[in-house]
């Protein structure tokens, strides 16, 4: 027991002493080139600006309805008493999840959620 305590105390002291090796602001600036504030140039991927547009009322209503159905599905799954009931609800749960993903994909294609797709 004392070996564990001594090991933990030693590790804590070693971790706190690492702060003494930290760089100061001047030391940190020394290893950066003169044009450090210039934006980085991407060689492999072009930068695409995210065009976000507000969701329409219809889209918001569909998302709200989907969230309600997902909450109802969660409640059903939590109320299931047997493994068979849970397994039967899993197929419906997967269908709801796929519908939600396709809904988000369709919104992303229209530019409403352009930033979600990572610029692909």
PDB file of N, CA and C in Angstrom:
ATOM      1  N   UNK A   1       0.823  -1.191   0.000  1.00  0.00           N
ATOM      2  CA  UNK A   1       0.000   0.000   0.000  1.00  0.00           C
ATOM      3  C   UNK A   1       0.866   1.253   0.000  1.00  0.00           C
ATOM      4  N   UNK A   2       1.952   1.216   0.787  1.00  0.00           N
ATOM      5  CA  UNK A   2       2.820   2.397   0.837  1.00  0.00           C
ATOM      6  C   UNK A   2       3.581   2.563  -0.477  1.00  0.00           C
ATOM      7  N   UNK A   3       3.875   1.452  -1.157  1.00  0.00           N
ATOM      8  CA  UNK A   3       4.548   1.558  -2.453  1.00  0.00           C
ATOM      9  C   UNK A   3       3.669   2.291  -3.459  1.00  0.00           C
ATOM     10  N   UNK A   4       2.391   1.980  -3.467  1.00  0.00           N
ATOM     11  CA  UNK A   4       1.464   2.646  -4.389  1.00  0.00           C
ATOM     12  C   UNK A   4       1.373   4.129  -4.054  1.00  0.00           C
ATOM     13  N   UNK A   5       1.256   4.431  -2.761  1.00  0.00           N
ATOM     14  CA  UNK A   5       1.146   5.829  -2.345  1.00  0.00           C
ATOM     15  C   UNK A   5       2.417   6.602  -2.710  1.00  0.00           C
ATOM     16  N   UNK A   6       3.587   6.016  -2.465  1.00  0.00           N
ATOM     17  CA  UNK A   6       4.839   6.681  -2.806  1.00  0.00           C
ATOM     18  C   UNK A   6       4.977   6.870  -4.311  1.00  0.00           C
ATOM     19  N   UNK A   7       4.527   5.887  -5.084  1.00  0.00           N
ATOM     20  CA  UNK A   7       4.571   6.012  -6.541  1.00  0.00           C
ATOM     21  C   UNK A   7       3.668   7.135  -7.011  1.00  0.00           C
ATOM     22  N   UNK A   8       2.461   7.197  -6.456  1.00  0.00           N
ATOM     23  CA  UNK A   8       1.530   8.267  -6.841  1.00  0.00           C
ATOM     24  C   UNK A   8       2.058   9.645  -6.449  1.00  0.00           C
ATOM     25  N   UNK A   9       2.650   9.747  -5.289  1.00  0.00           N
ATOM     26  CA  UNK A   9       3.221  11.031  -4.853  1.00  0.00           C
ATOM     27  C   UNK A   9       4.361  11.426  -5.787  1.00  0.00           C
ATOM     28  N   UNK A  10       5.202  10.475  -6.151  1.00  0.00           N
ATOM     29  CA  UNK A  10       6.300  10.752  -7.073  1.00  0.00           C
ATOM     30  C   UNK A  10       5.803  11.195  -8.441  1.00  0.00           C
ATOM     31  N   UNK A  11       4.764  10.529  -8.947  1.00  0.00           N
ATOM     32  CA  UNK A  11       4.203  10.912 -10.235  1.00  0.00           C
ATOM     33  C   UNK A  11       3.591  12.313 -10.194  1.00  0.00           C
ATOM     34  N   UNK A  12       2.908  12.624  -9.101  1.00  0.00           N
ATOM     35  CA  UNK A  12       2.313  13.962  -8.961  1.00  0.00           C
ATOM     36  C   UNK A  12       3.389  15.041  -8.908  1.00  0.00           C
ATOM     37  N   UNK A  13       4.454  14.779  -8.168  1.00  0.00           N
ATOM     38  CA  UNK A  13       5.529  15.764  -8.084  1.00  0.00           C
ATOM     39  C   UNK A  13       6.216  15.939  -9.427  1.00  0.00           C
ATOM     40  N   UNK A  14       6.394  14.849 -10.157  1.00  0.00           N
ATOM     41  CA  UNK A  14       7.022  14.935 -11.474  1.00  0.00           C
ATOM     42  C   UNK A  14       6.142  15.715 -12.442  1.00  0.00           C
ATOM     43  N   UNK A  15       4.838  15.485 -12.371  1.00  0.00           N
ATOM     44  CA  UNK A  15       3.912  16.181 -13.266  1.00  0.00           C
ATOM     45  C   UNK A  15       3.874  17.674 -12.972  1.00  0.00           C
ATOM     46  N   UNK A  16       3.910  18.051 -11.702  1.00  0.00           N
ATOM     47  CA  UNK A  16       3.877  19.472 -11.369  1.00  0.00           C
ATOM     48  C   UNK A  16       5.187  20.162 -11.694  1.00  0.00           C
ATOM     49  N   UNK A  17       6.286  19.431 -11.670  1.00  0.00           N
ATOM     50  CA  UNK A  17       7.571  20.059 -11.983  1.00  0.00           C
ATOM     51  C   UNK A  17       7.771  20.265 -13.478  1.00  0.00           C
ATOM     52  N   UNK A  18       6.953  19.664 -14.311  1.00  0.00           N
ATOM     53  CA  UNK A  18       7.069  19.849 -15.757  1.00  0.00           C
ATOM     54  C   UNK A  18       6.787  21.290 -16.167  1.00  0.00           C
ATOM     55  N   UNK A  19       6.066  22.024 -15.354  1.00  0.00           N
ATOM     56  CA  UNK A  19       5.792  23.419 -15.647  1.00  0.00           C
ATOM     57  C   UNK A  19       7.045  24.267 -15.692  1.00  0.00           C
ATOM     58  N   UNK A  20       8.092  23.861 -15.010  1.00  0.00           N
ATOM     59  CA  UNK A  20       9.347  24.610 -15.015  1.00  0.00           C
ATOM     60  C   UNK A  20      10.027  24.534 -16.374  1.00  0.00           C
ATOM     61  N   UNK A  21       9.748  23.514 -17.156  1.00  0.00           N
ATOM     62  CA  UNK A  21      10.342  23.366 -18.474  1.00  0.00           C
ATOM     63  C   UNK A  21       9.535  24.054 -19.566  1.00  0.00           C
ATOM     64  N   UNK A  22       8.394  24.610 -19.244  1.00  0.00           N
ATOM     65  CA  UNK A  22       7.535  25.242 -20.250  1.00  0.00           C
ATOM     66  C   UNK A  22       8.239  26.443 -20.858  1.00  0.00           C
ATOM     67  N   UNK A  23       7.933  26.723 -22.108  1.00  0.00           N
ATOM     68  CA  UNK A  23       8.551  27.841 -22.801  1.00  0.00           C
ATOM     69  C   UNK A  23       7.878  29.150 -22.409  1.00  0.00           C
ATOM     70  N   UNK A  24       8.674  30.189 -22.420  1.00  0.00           N
ATOM     71  CA  UNK A  24       8.098  31.520 -22.246  1.00  0.00           C
ATOM     72  C   UNK A  24       7.567  31.973 -23.604  1.00  0.00           C
ATOM     73  N   UNK A  25       6.862  33.081 -23.626  1.00  0.00           N
ATOM     74  CA  UNK A  25       6.300  33.586 -24.876  1.00  0.00           C
ATOM     75  C   UNK A  25       7.406  33.929 -25.873  1.00  0.00           C
ATOM     76  N   UNK A  26       8.507  34.519 -25.388  1.00  0.00           N
ATOM     77  CA  UNK A  26       9.614  34.868 -26.285  1.00  0.00           C
ATOM     78  C   UNK A  26      10.277  33.622 -26.865  1.00  0.00           C
ATOM     79  N   UNK A  27      10.469  32.604 -26.028  1.00  0.00           N
ATOM     80  CA  UNK A  27      11.064  31.374 -26.511  1.00  0.00           C
ATOM     81  C   UNK A  27      10.174  30.701 -27.550  1.00  0.00           C
ATOM     82  N   UNK A  28       8.877  30.809 -27.357  1.00  0.00           N
ATOM     83  CA  UNK A  28       7.940  30.200 -28.291  1.00  0.00           C
ATOM     84  C   UNK A  28       7.980  30.908 -29.642  1.00  0.00           C
ATOM     85  N   UNK A  29       8.094  32.231 -29.637  1.00  0.00           N
ATOM     86  CA  UNK A  29       8.134  33.008 -30.881  1.00  0.00           C
ATOM     87  C   UNK A  29       9.412  32.747 -31.673  1.00  0.00           C
ATOM     88  N   UNK A  30      10.488  32.359 -30.989  1.00  0.00           N
ATOM     89  CA  UNK A  30      11.773  32.155 -31.652  1.00  0.00           C
ATOM     90  C   UNK A  30      11.730  31.035 -32.691  1.00  0.00           C
ATOM     91  N   UNK A  31      10.961  30.008 -32.472  1.00  0.00           N
ATOM     92  CA  UNK A  31      10.988  28.890 -33.405  1.00  0.00           C
ATOM     93  C   UNK A  31       9.939  29.002 -34.513  1.00  0.00           C
ATOM     94  N   UNK A  32       9.235  30.133 -34.595  1.00  0.00           N
ATOM     95  CA  UNK A  32       8.284  30.369 -35.677  1.00  0.00           C
ATOM     96  C   UNK A  32       8.924  31.257 -36.734  1.00  0.00           C
ATOM     97  N   UNK A  33       8.620  31.035 -38.003  1.00  0.00           N
ATOM     98  CA  UNK A  33       9.166  31.904 -39.044  1.00  0.00           C
ATOM     99  C   UNK A  33       8.581  33.310 -38.956  1.00  0.00           C
ATOM    100  N   UNK A  34       9.196  34.234 -39.708  1.00  0.00           N
ATOM    101  CA  UNK A  34       8.780  35.631 -39.644  1.00  0.00           C
ATOM    102  C   UNK A  34       7.352  35.829 -40.115  1.00  0.00           C
ATOM    103  N   UNK A  35       6.880  35.045 -41.086  1.00  0.00           N
ATOM    104  CA  UNK A  35       5.515  35.213 -41.586  1.00  0.00           C
ATOM    105  C   UNK A  35       4.556  34.231 -40.911  1.00  0.00           C
ATOM    106  N   UNK A  36       4.657  34.114 -39.608  1.00  0.00           N
ATOM    107  CA  UNK A  36       3.831  33.169 -38.864  1.00  0.00           C
ATOM    108  C   UNK A  36       2.361  33.542 -38.907  1.00  0.00           C
ATOM    109  N   UNK A  37       2.051  34.814 -39.094  1.00  0.00           N
ATOM    110  CA  UNK A  37       0.659  35.234 -39.119  1.00  0.00           C
ATOM    111  C   UNK A  37       0.031  35.061 -40.488  1.00  0.00           C
ATOM    112  N   UNK A  38       0.789  34.688 -41.500  1.00  0.00           N
ATOM    113  CA  UNK A  38       0.238  34.472 -42.841  1.00  0.00           C
ATOM    114  C   UNK A  38      -0.614  33.215 -42.829  1.00  0.00           C
ATOM    115  N   UNK A  39      -1.704  33.205 -43.574  1.00  0.00           N
ATOM    116  CA  UNK A  39      -2.562  32.018 -43.581  1.00  0.00           C
ATOM    117  C   UNK A  39      -1.840  30.831 -44.207  1.00  0.00           C
ATOM    118  N   UNK A  40      -2.101  29.668 -43.673  1.00  0.00           N
ATOM    119  CA  UNK A  40      -1.473  28.450 -44.177  1.00  0.00           C
ATOM    120  C   UNK A  40      -2.060  28.107 -45.538  1.00  0.00           C
ATOM    121  N   UNK A  41      -1.188  27.668 -46.443  1.00  0.00           N
ATOM    122  CA  UNK A  41      -1.630  27.293 -47.776  1.00  0.00           C
ATOM    123  C   UNK A  41      -1.817  25.792 -47.817  1.00  0.00           C
ATOM    124  N   UNK A  42      -2.986  25.392 -48.250  1.00  0.00           N
ATOM    125  CA  UNK A  42      -3.285  23.975 -48.348  1.00  0.00           C
ATOM    126  C   UNK A  42      -2.842  23.457 -49.707  1.00  0.00           C
ATOM    127  N   UNK A  43      -2.042  22.429 -49.707  1.00  0.00           N
ATOM    128  CA  UNK A  43      -1.549  21.857 -50.949  1.00  0.00           C
ATOM    129  C   UNK A  43      -2.543  20.845 -51.494  1.00  0.00           C
ATOM    130  N   UNK A  44      -3.117  20.044 -50.610  1.00  0.00           N
ATOM    131  CA  UNK A  44      -3.943  18.932 -51.056  1.00  0.00           C
ATOM    132  C   UNK A  44      -5.416  19.278 -51.251  1.00  0.00           C
ATOM    133  N   UNK A  45      -5.955  20.146 -50.424  1.00  0.00           N
ATOM    134  CA  UNK A  45      -7.384  20.389 -50.473  1.00  0.00           C
ATOM    135  C   UNK A  45      -7.677  21.869 -50.670  1.00  0.00           C
ATOM    136  N   UNK A  46      -8.522  22.198 -51.625  1.00  0.00           N
ATOM    137  CA  UNK A  46      -8.916  23.597 -51.770  1.00  0.00           C
ATOM    138  C   UNK A  46      -9.847  23.997 -50.629  1.00  0.00           C
ATOM    139  N   UNK A  47      -9.762  25.236 -50.247  1.00  0.00           N
ATOM    140  CA  UNK A  47     -10.611  25.727 -49.161  1.00  0.00           C
ATOM    141  C   UNK A  47     -11.943  26.122 -49.756  1.00  0.00           C
ATOM    142  N   UNK A  48     -13.009  25.593 -49.187  1.00  0.00           N
ATOM    143  CA  UNK A  48     -14.359  25.884 -49.661  1.00  0.00           C
ATOM    144  C   UNK A  48     -15.107  26.601 -48.550  1.00  0.00           C
ATOM    145  N   UNK A  49     -15.629  27.748 -48.860  1.00  0.00           N
ATOM    146  CA  UNK A  49     -16.370  28.507 -47.864  1.00  0.00           C
ATOM    147  C   UNK A  49     -17.698  27.812 -47.588  1.00  0.00           C
ATOM    148  N   UNK A  50     -18.052  27.711 -46.328  1.00  0.00           N
ATOM    149  CA  UNK A  50     -19.314  27.101 -45.949  1.00  0.00           C
ATOM    150  C   UNK A  50     -20.438  28.096 -46.214  1.00  0.00           C
ATOM    151  N   UNK A  51     -21.368  27.674 -47.054  1.00  0.00           N
ATOM    152  CA  UNK A  51     -22.502  28.536 -47.345  1.00  0.00           C
ATOM    153  C   UNK A  51     -23.685  28.041 -46.543  1.00  0.00           C
ATOM    154  N   UNK A  52     -23.979  28.717 -45.487  1.00  0.00           N
ATOM    155  CA  UNK A  52     -25.091  28.307 -44.658  1.00  0.00           C
ATOM    156  C   UNK A  52     -26.281  29.192 -44.952  1.00  0.00           C
ATOM    157  N   UNK A  53     -27.407  28.549 -45.085  1.00  0.00           N
ATOM    158  CA  UNK A  53     -28.653  29.245 -45.313  1.00  0.00           C
ATOM    159  C   UNK A  53     -29.607  28.834 -44.207  1.00  0.00           C
ATOM    160  N   UNK A  54     -30.491  29.720 -43.807  1.00  0.00           N
ATOM    161  CA  UNK A  54     -31.436  29.347 -42.763  1.00  0.00           C
ATOM    162  C   UNK A  54     -32.370  28.245 -43.255  1.00  0.00           C
ATOM    163  N   UNK A  55     -32.763  27.389 -42.342  1.00  0.00           N
ATOM    164  CA  UNK A  55     -33.679  26.303 -42.685  1.00  0.00           C
ATOM    165  C   UNK A  55     -35.075  26.861 -42.911  1.00  0.00           C
ATOM    166  N   UNK A  56     -35.768  26.255 -43.855  1.00  0.00           N
ATOM    167  CA  UNK A  56     -37.137  26.699 -44.113  1.00  0.00           C
ATOM    168  C   UNK A  56     -38.052  26.189 -43.005  1.00  0.00           C
ATOM    169  N   UNK A  57     -39.254  26.715 -42.973  1.00  0.00           N
ATOM    170  CA  UNK A  57     -40.231  26.309 -41.954  1.00  0.00           C
ATOM    171  C   UNK A  57     -40.576  24.837 -42.126  1.00  0.00           C
ATOM    172  N   UNK A  58     -40.667  24.386 -43.385  1.00  0.00           N
ATOM    173  CA  UNK A  58     -40.973  22.986 -43.658  1.00  0.00           C
ATOM    174  C   UNK A  58     -39.863  22.076 -43.138  1.00  0.00           C
ATOM    175  N   UNK A  59     -38.609  22.471 -43.375  1.00  0.00           N
ATOM    176  CA  UNK A  59     -37.482  21.674 -42.903  1.00  0.00           C
ATOM    177  C   UNK A  59     -37.441  21.624 -41.382  1.00  0.00           C
ATOM    178  N   UNK A  60     -37.710  22.754 -40.759  1.00  0.00           N
ATOM    179  CA  UNK A  60     -37.722  22.786 -39.290  1.00  0.00           C
ATOM    180  C   UNK A  60     -38.828  21.895 -38.744  1.00  0.00           C
ATOM    181  N   UNK A  61     -39.992  21.906 -39.381  1.00  0.00           N
ATOM    182  CA  UNK A  61     -41.104  21.069 -38.926  1.00  0.00           C
ATOM    183  C   UNK A  61     -40.762  19.590 -39.080  1.00  0.00           C
ATOM    184  N   UNK A  62     -40.115  19.228 -40.203  1.00  0.00           N
ATOM    185  CA  UNK A  62     -39.723  17.834 -40.395  1.00  0.00           C
ATOM    186  C   UNK A  62     -38.687  17.409 -39.370  1.00  0.00           C
ATOM    187  N   UNK A  63     -37.720  18.287 -39.086  1.00  0.00           N
ATOM    188  CA  UNK A  63     -36.706  17.955 -38.079  1.00  0.00           C
ATOM    189  C   UNK A  63     -37.333  17.813 -36.702  1.00  0.00           C
ATOM    190  N   UNK A  64     -38.265  18.685 -36.380  1.00  0.00           N
ATOM    191  CA  UNK A  64     -38.941  18.623 -35.085  1.00  0.00           C
ATOM    192  C   UNK A  64     -39.730  17.321 -34.956  1.00  0.00           C
ATOM    193  N   UNK A  65     -40.445  16.954 -36.013  1.00  0.00           N
ATOM    194  CA  UNK A  65     -41.215  15.708 -35.997  1.00  0.00           C
ATOM    195  C   UNK A  65     -40.283  14.511 -35.864  1.00  0.00           C
ATOM    196  N   UNK A  66     -39.159  14.548 -36.551  1.00  0.00           N
ATOM    197  CA  UNK A  66     -38.201  13.441 -36.462  1.00  0.00           C
ATOM    198  C   UNK A  66     -37.639  13.329 -35.052  1.00  0.00           C
ATOM    199  N   UNK A  67     -37.330  14.446 -34.431  1.00  0.00           N
ATOM    200  CA  UNK A  67     -36.814  14.411 -33.060  1.00  0.00           C
ATOM    201  C   UNK A  67     -37.851  13.844 -32.097  1.00  0.00           C
ATOM    202  N   UNK A  68     -39.112  14.193 -32.312  1.00  0.00           N
ATOM    203  CA  UNK A  68     -40.174  13.643 -31.458  1.00  0.00           C
ATOM    204  C   UNK A  68     -40.295  12.135 -31.640  1.00  0.00           C
ATOM    205  N   UNK A  69     -40.200  11.663 -32.887  1.00  0.00           N
ATOM    206  CA  UNK A  69     -40.299  10.221 -33.120  1.00  0.00           C
ATOM    207  C   UNK A  69     -39.086   9.495 -32.538  1.00  0.00           C
ATOM    208  N   UNK A  70     -37.914  10.136 -32.588  1.00  0.00           N
ATOM    209  CA  UNK A  70     -36.725   9.527 -31.981  1.00  0.00           C
ATOM    210  C   UNK A  70     -36.875   9.455 -30.458  1.00  0.00           C
ATOM    211  N   UNK A  71     -37.441  10.485 -29.862  1.00  0.00           N
ATOM    212  CA  UNK A  71     -37.658  10.471 -28.416  1.00  0.00           C
ATOM    213  C   UNK A  71     -38.664   9.387 -28.040  1.00  0.00           C
ATOM    214  N   UNK A  72     -39.721   9.240 -28.838  1.00  0.00           N
ATOM    215  CA  UNK A  72     -40.710   8.186 -28.575  1.00  0.00           C
ATOM    216  C   UNK A  72     -40.066   6.812 -28.703  1.00  0.00           C
ATOM    217  N   UNK A  73     -39.195   6.646 -29.695  1.00  0.00           N
ATOM    218  CA  UNK A  73     -38.504   5.366 -29.872  1.00  0.00           C
ATOM    219  C   UNK A  73     -37.603   5.089 -28.674  1.00  0.00           C
ATOM    220  N   UNK A  74     -36.921   6.099 -28.194  1.00  0.00           N
ATOM    221  CA  UNK A  74     -36.069   5.924 -27.022  1.00  0.00           C
ATOM    222  C   UNK A  74     -36.901   5.502 -25.819  1.00  0.00           C
ATOM    223  N   UNK A  75     -38.045   6.137 -25.634  1.00  0.00           N
ATOM    224  CA  UNK A  75     -38.910   5.778 -24.515  1.00  0.00           C
ATOM    225  C   UNK A  75     -39.394   4.333 -24.635  1.00  0.00           C
ATOM    226  N   UNK A  76     -39.754   3.919 -25.858  1.00  0.00           N
ATOM    227  CA  UNK A  76     -40.198   2.535 -26.065  1.00  0.00           C
ATOM    228  C   UNK A  76     -39.070   1.561 -25.728  1.00  0.00           C
ATOM    229  N   UNK A  77     -37.866   1.879 -26.173  1.00  0.00           N
ATOM    230  CA  UNK A  77     -36.743   0.976 -25.924  1.00  0.00           C
ATOM    231  C   UNK A  77     -36.420   0.891 -24.440  1.00  0.00           C
ATOM    232  N   UNK A  78     -36.545   2.007 -23.743  1.00  0.00           N
ATOM    233  CA  UNK A  78     -36.280   1.992 -22.307  1.00  0.00           C
ATOM    234  C   UNK A  78     -37.365   1.234 -21.550  1.00  0.00           C
ATOM    235  N   UNK A  79     -38.580   1.225 -22.087  1.00  0.00           N
ATOM    236  CA  UNK A  79     -39.682   0.543 -21.412  1.00  0.00           C
ATOM    237  C   UNK A  79     -39.730  -0.942 -21.736  1.00  0.00           C
ATOM    238  N   UNK A  80     -38.979  -1.389 -22.714  1.00  0.00           N
ATOM    239  CA  UNK A  80     -38.997  -2.801 -23.105  1.00  0.00           C
ATOM    240  C   UNK A  80     -38.486  -3.658 -21.956  1.00  0.00           C
ATOM    241  N   UNK A  81     -39.221  -4.719 -21.687  1.00  0.00           N
ATOM    242  CA  UNK A  81     -38.879  -5.583 -20.552  1.00  0.00           C
ATOM    243  C   UNK A  81     -38.001  -6.763 -20.958  1.00  0.00           C
ATOM    244  N   UNK A  82     -38.175  -7.269 -22.167  1.00  0.00           N
ATOM    245  CA  UNK A  82     -37.442  -8.464 -22.569  1.00  0.00           C
ATOM    246  C   UNK A  82     -36.473  -8.147 -23.710  1.00  0.00           C
ATOM    247  N   UNK A  83     -35.561  -9.054 -23.891  1.00  0.00           N
ATOM    248  CA  UNK A  83     -34.588  -8.914 -24.972  1.00  0.00           C
ATOM    249  C   UNK A  83     -35.280  -8.977 -26.322  1.00  0.00           C
ATOM    250  N   UNK A  84     -36.313  -9.814 -26.436  1.00  0.00           N
ATOM    251  CA  UNK A  84     -37.038  -9.936 -27.700  1.00  0.00           C
ATOM    252  C   UNK A  84     -37.698  -8.608 -28.079  1.00  0.00           C
ATOM    253  N   UNK A  85     -38.273  -7.920 -27.088  1.00  0.00           N
ATOM    254  CA  UNK A  85     -38.888  -6.620 -27.360  1.00  0.00           C
ATOM    255  C   UNK A  85     -37.843  -5.626 -27.851  1.00  0.00           C
ATOM    256  N   UNK A  86     -36.687  -5.618 -27.198  1.00  0.00           N
ATOM    257  CA  UNK A  86     -35.620  -4.697 -27.604  1.00  0.00           C
ATOM    258  C   UNK A  86     -35.134  -4.998 -29.017  1.00  0.00           C
ATOM    259  N   UNK A  87     -34.985  -6.271 -29.328  1.00  0.00           N
ATOM    260  CA  UNK A  87     -34.537  -6.657 -30.667  1.00  0.00           C
ATOM    261  C   UNK A  87     -35.553  -6.245 -31.730  1.00  0.00           C
ATOM    262  N   UNK A  88     -36.848  -6.387 -31.415  1.00  0.00           N
ATOM    263  CA  UNK A  88     -37.881  -5.984 -32.366  1.00  0.00           C
ATOM    264  C   UNK A  88     -37.856  -4.476 -32.592  1.00  0.00           C
ATOM    265  N   UNK A  89     -37.559  -3.707 -31.541  1.00  0.00           N
ATOM    266  CA  UNK A  89     -37.520  -2.254 -31.659  1.00  0.00           C
ATOM    267  C   UNK A  89     -36.251  -1.760 -32.346  1.00  0.00           C
ATOM    268  N   UNK A  90     -35.203  -2.571 -32.363  1.00  0.00           N
ATOM    269  CA  UNK A  90     -33.948  -2.146 -32.974  1.00  0.00           C
ATOM    270  C   UNK A  90     -34.089  -1.912 -34.483  1.00  0.00           C
ATOM    271  N   UNK A  91     -34.888  -2.737 -35.164  1.00  0.00           N
ATOM    272  CA  UNK A  91     -35.084  -2.543 -36.607  1.00  0.00           C
ATOM    273  C   UNK A  91     -35.760  -1.197 -36.864  1.00  0.00           C
ATOM    274  N   UNK A  92     -36.762  -0.876 -36.080  1.00  0.00           N
ATOM    275  CA  UNK A  92     -37.446   0.410 -36.233  1.00  0.00           C
ATOM    276  C   UNK A  92     -36.506   1.560 -35.876  1.00  0.00           C
ATOM    277  N   UNK A  93     -35.689   1.350 -34.874  1.00  0.00           N
ATOM    278  CA  UNK A  93     -34.720   2.369 -34.471  1.00  0.00           C
ATOM    279  C   UNK A  93     -33.723   2.636 -35.609  1.00  0.00           C
ATOM    280  N   UNK A  94     -33.216   1.598 -36.231  1.00  0.00           N
ATOM    281  CA  UNK A  94     -32.268   1.756 -37.336  1.00  0.00           C
ATOM    282  C   UNK A  94     -32.914   2.489 -38.511  1.00  0.00           C
ATOM    283  N   UNK A  95     -34.190   2.184 -38.778  1.00  0.00           N
ATOM    284  CA  UNK A  95     -34.894   2.855 -39.868  1.00  0.00           C
ATOM    285  C   UNK A  95     -34.999   4.355 -39.572  1.00  0.00           C
ATOM    286  N   UNK A  96     -35.340   4.709 -38.342  1.00  0.00           N
ATOM    287  CA  UNK A  96     -35.440   6.120 -37.961  1.00  0.00           C
ATOM    288  C   UNK A  96     -34.083   6.819 -38.067  1.00  0.00           C
ATOM    289  N   UNK A  97     -33.028   6.147 -37.662  1.00  0.00           N
ATOM    290  CA  UNK A  97     -31.704   6.737 -37.748  1.00  0.00           C
ATOM    291  C   UNK A  97     -31.312   6.979 -39.204  1.00  0.00           C
ATOM    292  N   UNK A  98     -31.596   6.032 -40.077  1.00  0.00           N
ATOM    293  CA  UNK A  98     -31.268   6.204 -41.493  1.00  0.00           C
ATOM    294  C   UNK A  98     -32.089   7.329 -42.114  1.00  0.00           C
ATOM    295  N   UNK A  99     -33.358   7.464 -41.715  1.00  0.00           N
ATOM    296  CA  UNK A  99     -34.176   8.564 -42.214  1.00  0.00           C
ATOM    297  C   UNK A  99     -33.593   9.901 -41.778  1.00  0.00           C
ATOM    298  N   UNK A 100     -33.135   9.973 -40.546  1.00  0.00           N
ATOM    299  CA  UNK A 100     -32.531  11.206 -40.046  1.00  0.00           C
ATOM    300  C   UNK A 100     -31.258  11.556 -40.791  1.00  0.00           C
ATOM    301  N   UNK A 101     -30.435  10.552 -41.081  1.00  0.00           N
ATOM    302  CA  UNK A 101     -29.197  10.808 -41.809  1.00  0.00           C
ATOM    303  C   UNK A 101     -29.485  11.260 -43.240  1.00  0.00           C
ATOM    304  N   UNK A 102     -30.478  10.637 -43.890  1.00  0.00           N
ATOM    305  CA  UNK A 102     -30.798  11.063 -45.254  1.00  0.00           C
ATOM    306  C   UNK A 102     -31.398  12.471 -45.245  1.00  0.00           C
ATOM    307  N   UNK A 103     -32.154  12.810 -44.201  1.00  0.00           N
ATOM    308  CA  UNK A 103     -32.710  14.155 -44.092  1.00  0.00           C
ATOM    309  C   UNK A 103     -31.579  15.175 -43.970  1.00  0.00           C
ATOM    310  N   UNK A 104     -30.583  14.876 -43.142  1.00  0.00           N
ATOM    311  CA  UNK A 104     -29.457  15.796 -42.983  1.00  0.00           C
ATOM    312  C   UNK A 104     -28.644  15.892 -44.272  1.00  0.00           C
ATOM    313  N   UNK A 105     -28.485  14.764 -44.976  1.00  0.00           N
ATOM    314  CA  UNK A 105     -27.746  14.781 -46.232  1.00  0.00           C
ATOM    315  C   UNK A 105     -28.465  15.651 -47.255  1.00  0.00           C
ATOM    316  N   UNK A 106     -29.764  15.519 -47.345  1.00  0.00           N
ATOM    317  CA  UNK A 106     -30.533  16.330 -48.291  1.00  0.00           C
ATOM    318  C   UNK A 106     -30.436  17.810 -47.956  1.00  0.00           C
ATOM    319  N   UNK A 107     -30.445  18.145 -46.687  1.00  0.00           N
ATOM    320  CA  UNK A 107     -30.305  19.542 -46.284  1.00  0.00           C
ATOM    321  C   UNK A 107     -28.917  20.054 -46.623  1.00  0.00           C
ATOM    322  N   UNK A 108     -27.912  19.198 -46.457  1.00  0.00           N
ATOM    323  CA  UNK A 108     -26.550  19.587 -46.781  1.00  0.00           C
ATOM    324  C   UNK A 108     -26.361  19.802 -48.267  1.00  0.00           C
ATOM    325  N   UNK A 109     -27.032  18.996 -49.089  1.00  0.00           N
ATOM    326  CA  UNK A 109     -26.928  19.149 -50.540  1.00  0.00           C
ATOM    327  C   UNK A 109     -27.499  20.477 -50.997  1.00  0.00           C
ATOM    328  N   UNK A 110     -28.496  20.977 -50.284  1.00  0.00           N
ATOM    329  CA  UNK A 110     -29.132  22.240 -50.656  1.00  0.00           C
ATOM    330  C   UNK A 110     -28.411  23.440 -50.075  1.00  0.00           C
ATOM    331  N   UNK A 111     -27.363  23.204 -49.292  1.00  0.00           N
ATOM    332  CA  UNK A 111     -26.587  24.299 -48.743  1.00  0.00           C
ATOM    333  C   UNK A 111     -27.049  24.748 -47.372  1.00  0.00           C
ATOM    334  N   UNK A 112     -28.110  24.170 -46.851  1.00  0.00           N
ATOM    335  CA  UNK A 112     -28.598  24.617 -45.550  1.00  0.00           C
ATOM    336  C   UNK A 112     -27.624  24.256 -44.436  1.00  0.00           C
ATOM    337  N   UNK A 113     -26.931  23.134 -44.589  1.00  0.00           N
ATOM    338  CA  UNK A 113     -25.976  22.712 -43.585  1.00  0.00           C
ATOM    339  C   UNK A 113     -24.653  22.409 -44.273  1.00  0.00           C
ATOM    340  N   UNK A 114     -24.188  23.296 -45.102  1.00  0.00           N
ATOM    341  CA  UNK A 114     -23.004  23.076 -45.910  1.00  0.00           C
ATOM    342  C   UNK A 114     -21.759  22.770 -45.110  1.00  0.00           C
ATOM    343  N   UNK A 115     -21.622  23.311 -43.916  1.00  0.00           N
ATOM    344  CA  UNK A 115     -20.430  23.078 -43.122  1.00  0.00           C
ATOM    345  C   UNK A 115     -20.353  21.704 -42.522  1.00  0.00           C
ATOM    346  N   UNK A 116     -21.460  20.970 -42.460  1.00  0.00           N
ATOM    347  CA  UNK A 116     -21.450  19.677 -41.816  1.00  0.00           C
ATOM    348  C   UNK A 116     -20.706  18.614 -42.627  1.00  0.00           C
ATOM    349  N   UNK A 117     -20.594  18.786 -43.921  1.00  0.00           N
ATOM    350  CA  UNK A 117     -20.036  17.726 -44.737  1.00  0.00           C
ATOM    351  C   UNK A 117     -18.536  17.828 -44.880  1.00  0.00           C
ATOM    352  N   UNK A 118     -17.923  18.743 -44.197  1.00  0.00           N
ATOM    353  CA  UNK A 118     -16.476  18.833 -44.186  1.00  0.00           C
ATOM    354  C   UNK A 118     -15.887  19.250 -45.521  1.00  0.00           C
ATOM    355  N   UNK A 119     -16.632  19.975 -46.330  1.00  0.00           N
ATOM    356  CA  UNK A 119     -16.107  20.508 -47.580  1.00  0.00           C
ATOM    357  C   UNK A 119     -15.947  19.462 -48.670  1.00  0.00           C
ATOM    358  N   UNK A 120     -16.642  18.342 -48.570  1.00  0.00           N
ATOM    359  CA  UNK A 120     -16.516  17.308 -49.591  1.00  0.00           C
ATOM    360  C   UNK A 120     -17.459  17.583 -50.743  1.00  0.00           C
TER     361      UNK A 120
END
